[in-house]
Amino acid sequence: MSCLVLDAMGVIFKSADDVAELLIPFIAEKSESFDEQVIHSAYLQASLGNIGPDEFWNRVDVAPELEDEFLSRHALNPGITELLSQANNNGISVWCLSNDVGRWSDKLRKNLGIEEFLAGSIISGDVGVRKPDKEIYKILIDSIDCGVEDVLFVDDREKNVIAARKAGIETVMFNPETGFADAKNWILQRV
């Protein structure tokens, strides 16, 4: 079996830097004590699983009940649903590997309708380590049901692609201009 592993932000989801593009503007709208340094620090802690999402919202002075409003600002990248369908239709297992807050990632995958396509997800907030740390790629390799030689990892950040390559994983650097052409070609070569 072959596995296609996709990064979330910038690959599955349109926003490549959801902290800068979505989270900071959202908090600026909702919080009276806006502080970017506090936001970045709290986000890093939440994305490592050191604090929960409710604690994150409390640290940035936003009501946790507004979480779903923030998450509603995310959108899927054009062509992702077609790629996921193509992979599933061809017997390719699809995984998500992302630096994110576990609960947020779970809600996004469900709310935007991609959870049904995925065999699994490795989220930094759930496993306590972030890309490009080599440990997260080891966790991925140990979790999937295919050999490392049968994996393609797609990410939009060069440091993550380089780290995956060092772990022995074939990689593609995602480019929004060319979309999923490389990943689709890889799927066709596996059929």
Protein backbone atom coordinates (compact mmCIF):
# COMPACT_ATOMS: atom_id res chain seq x y z
CA MET A 1 0.00 0.00 0.00
CA SER A 2 1.08 3.59 -0.65
CA CYS A 3 0.50 6.62 1.58
CA LEU A 4 0.05 10.25 0.65
CA VAL A 5 0.83 12.54 3.59
CA LEU A 6 -0.34 16.14 3.41
CA ASP A 7 0.50 19.17 5.50
CA ALA A 8 -2.60 21.07 6.62
CA MET A 9 -1.93 24.82 6.49
CA GLY A 10 -0.97 25.89 3.00
CA VAL A 11 -1.64 22.46 1.47
CA ILE A 12 -5.03 21.13 2.59
CA PHE A 13 -6.16 24.55 3.79
CA LYS A 14 -5.69 27.74 1.83
CA SER A 15 -4.00 29.79 4.55
CA ALA A 16 -0.28 28.99 4.61
CA ASP A 17 0.34 30.89 7.86
CA ASP A 18 -2.93 30.76 9.73
CA VAL A 19 -1.44 32.47 12.78
CA ALA A 20 -0.47 35.61 10.85
CA GLU A 21 -3.26 35.52 8.28
CA LEU A 22 -6.24 34.44 10.40
CA LEU A 23 -5.53 34.08 14.12
CA ILE A 24 -3.84 37.42 14.85
CA PRO A 25 -6.46 39.46 12.93
CA PHE A 26 -9.24 37.52 14.67
CA ILE A 27 -7.78 38.15 18.12
CA ALA A 28 -7.21 41.82 17.23
CA GLU A 29 -10.96 42.08 16.54
CA LYS A 30 -12.05 40.25 19.69
CA SER A 31 -9.53 41.15 22.39
CA GLU A 32 -9.02 44.42 24.22
CA SER A 33 -5.51 43.44 25.35
CA PHE A 34 -4.00 42.48 21.99
CA ASP A 35 -0.30 41.43 22.19
CA GLU A 36 1.30 39.57 19.25
CA GLN A 37 4.13 38.19 21.39
CA VAL A 38 1.61 36.67 23.82
CA ILE A 39 -0.33 35.20 20.89
CA HIS A 40 2.75 33.58 19.32
CA SER A 41 3.94 32.20 22.66
CA ALA A 42 0.51 30.82 23.60
CA TYR A 43 0.00 29.34 20.13
CA LEU A 44 3.37 27.56 20.27
CA GLN A 45 2.46 26.09 23.67
CA ALA A 46 -0.99 25.00 22.44
CA SER A 47 0.44 23.51 19.23
CA LEU A 48 2.81 21.43 21.37
CA GLY A 49 -0.04 20.27 23.59
CA ASN A 50 1.45 22.02 26.63
CA ILE A 51 -1.75 24.00 27.15
CA GLY A 52 -5.28 23.23 26.00
CA PRO A 53 -7.26 25.35 23.54
CA ASP A 54 -9.39 26.93 26.27
CA GLU A 55 -6.25 28.03 28.11
CA PHE A 56 -4.93 29.45 24.83
CA TRP A 57 -8.06 31.57 24.38
CA ASN A 58 -7.87 32.73 28.00
CA ARG A 59 -4.22 33.80 27.58
CA VAL A 60 -5.06 35.92 24.54
CA ASP A 61 -8.15 37.43 26.23
CA VAL A 62 -10.73 35.91 23.86
CA ALA A 63 -13.77 33.92 25.00
CA PRO A 64 -13.24 30.22 24.20
CA GLU A 65 -16.83 30.17 22.88
CA LEU A 66 -15.57 32.17 19.86
CA GLU A 67 -13.29 29.32 18.72
CA ASP A 68 -15.72 28.07 16.05
CA GLU A 69 -16.05 31.60 14.66
CA PHE A 70 -12.26 31.71 14.26
CA LEU A 71 -12.17 28.28 12.64
CA SER A 72 -14.90 29.29 10.16
CA ARG A 73 -12.37 31.64 8.54
CA HIS A 74 -10.41 28.70 7.13
CA ALA A 75 -11.05 27.40 3.61
CA LEU A 76 -9.89 24.42 1.59
CA ASN A 77 -7.23 24.84 -1.06
CA PRO A 78 -8.64 24.59 -4.60
CA GLY A 79 -8.31 21.05 -5.91
CA ILE A 80 -7.80 19.33 -2.55
CA THR A 81 -11.11 17.45 -2.62
CA GLU A 82 -10.32 16.11 -6.10
CA LEU A 83 -6.85 15.00 -4.95
CA LEU A 84 -8.28 13.24 -1.89
CA SER A 85 -10.92 11.49 -4.02
CA GLN A 86 -8.32 10.42 -6.58
CA ALA A 87 -6.09 8.98 -3.85
CA ASN A 88 -8.97 7.12 -2.17
CA ASN A 89 -10.30 5.80 -5.49
CA ASN A 90 -6.86 4.40 -6.28
CA GLY A 91 -6.34 2.69 -2.93
CA ILE A 92 -3.85 5.28 -1.63
CA SER A 93 -4.01 5.87 2.12
CA VAL A 94 -4.08 9.61 2.96
CA TRP A 95 -2.74 11.10 6.19
CA CYS A 96 -2.48 14.62 7.55
CA LEU A 97 0.73 15.76 9.29
CA SER A 98 0.38 19.21 10.81
CA ASN A 99 1.66 21.66 13.37
CA ASP A 100 -1.61 22.71 15.00
CA VAL A 101 -3.78 22.64 18.08
CA GLY A 102 -5.32 19.17 18.17
CA ARG A 103 -8.94 20.23 18.76
CA TRP A 104 -8.76 22.92 16.08
CA SER A 105 -7.36 20.50 13.52
CA ASP A 106 -10.03 17.93 14.36
CA LYS A 107 -12.83 20.47 13.98
CA LEU A 108 -11.42 21.85 10.71
CA ARG A 109 -11.11 18.40 9.13
CA LYS A 110 -14.68 17.54 10.11
CA ASN A 111 -16.27 20.93 9.38
CA LEU A 112 -14.67 21.23 5.93
CA GLY A 113 -15.56 17.67 4.96
CA ILE A 114 -12.14 16.06 4.54
CA GLU A 115 -12.04 13.77 7.59
CA GLU A 116 -13.83 11.03 5.64
CA PHE A 117 -10.92 10.89 3.16
CA LEU A 118 -8.20 10.47 5.78
CA ALA A 119 -6.81 7.26 7.21
CA GLY A 120 -5.36 9.26 10.09
CA SER A 121 -3.73 12.44 11.32
CA ILE A 122 -0.59 13.25 13.25
CA ILE A 123 -1.09 16.67 14.86
CA SER A 124 1.68 18.35 16.86
CA GLY A 125 -0.67 19.35 19.67
CA ASP A 126 -1.62 15.69 20.13
CA VAL A 127 1.91 14.22 19.98
CA GLY A 128 3.92 17.01 21.67
CA VAL A 129 6.40 17.66 18.87
CA ARG A 130 6.33 19.98 15.83
CA LYS A 131 7.72 19.76 12.32
CA PRO A 132 10.56 19.91 11.37
CA ASP A 133 11.63 17.92 14.47
CA LYS A 134 12.68 14.45 13.26
CA GLU A 135 10.60 12.83 16.02
CA ILE A 136 7.28 13.80 14.37
CA TYR A 137 8.33 12.02 11.15
CA LYS A 138 9.25 8.93 13.20
CA ILE A 139 5.78 9.05 14.80
CA LEU A 140 4.26 9.28 11.32
CA ILE A 141 6.28 6.35 9.95
CA ASP A 142 5.38 4.24 12.99
CA SER A 143 1.66 5.11 12.60
CA ILE A 144 1.04 4.51 8.91
CA ASP A 145 0.51 1.10 7.38
CA CYS A 146 3.06 1.39 4.58
CA GLY A 147 6.82 1.35 4.27
CA VAL A 148 8.68 4.64 4.13
CA GLU A 149 9.57 3.90 0.50
CA ASP A 150 5.85 4.03 -0.36
CA VAL A 151 5.17 7.47 1.17
CA LEU A 152 4.90 10.88 -0.49
CA PHE A 153 4.87 13.92 1.80
CA VAL A 154 3.57 17.26 0.50
CA ASP A 155 4.36 20.45 2.44
CA ASP A 156 4.65 24.13 1.57
CA ARG A 157 7.60 24.85 3.89
CA GLU A 158 11.10 23.98 2.75
CA LYS A 159 12.41 23.14 6.25
CA ASN A 160 9.65 20.53 6.66
CA VAL A 161 10.33 19.01 3.23
CA ILE A 162 14.07 18.80 3.99
CA ALA A 163 13.42 17.15 7.37
CA ALA A 164 11.07 14.59 5.79
CA ARG A 165 13.67 13.78 3.14
CA LYS A 166 16.26 13.22 5.88
CA ALA A 167 13.81 10.72 7.40
CA GLY A 168 13.81 8.83 4.09
CA ILE A 169 10.44 10.09 2.85
CA GLU A 170 9.87 11.13 -0.77
CA THR A 171 8.70 14.76 -0.82
CA VAL A 172 7.03 17.39 -2.94
CA MET A 173 7.23 21.10 -2.19
CA PHE A 174 3.68 22.40 -2.66
CA ASN A 175 3.32 25.39 -4.94
CA PRO A 176 -0.12 27.07 -5.04
CA GLU A 177 0.45 28.04 -8.68
CA THR A 178 0.85 24.45 -9.87
CA GLY A 179 -1.47 23.00 -7.24
CA PHE A 180 -1.53 19.26 -6.79
CA ALA A 181 -0.09 18.24 -10.18
CA ASP A 182 2.98 16.50 -8.68
CA ALA A 183 0.91 14.60 -6.10
CA LYS A 184 -1.61 13.53 -8.75
CA ASN A 185 1.20 12.25 -10.99
CA TRP A 186 2.65 10.31 -8.04
CA ILE A 187 -0.76 8.68 -7.45
CA LEU A 188 -1.01 7.68 -11.12
CA GLN A 189 2.46 6.09 -10.96
CA ARG A 190 1.30 3.99 -7.99
CA VAL A 191 -1.77 2.58 -9.72
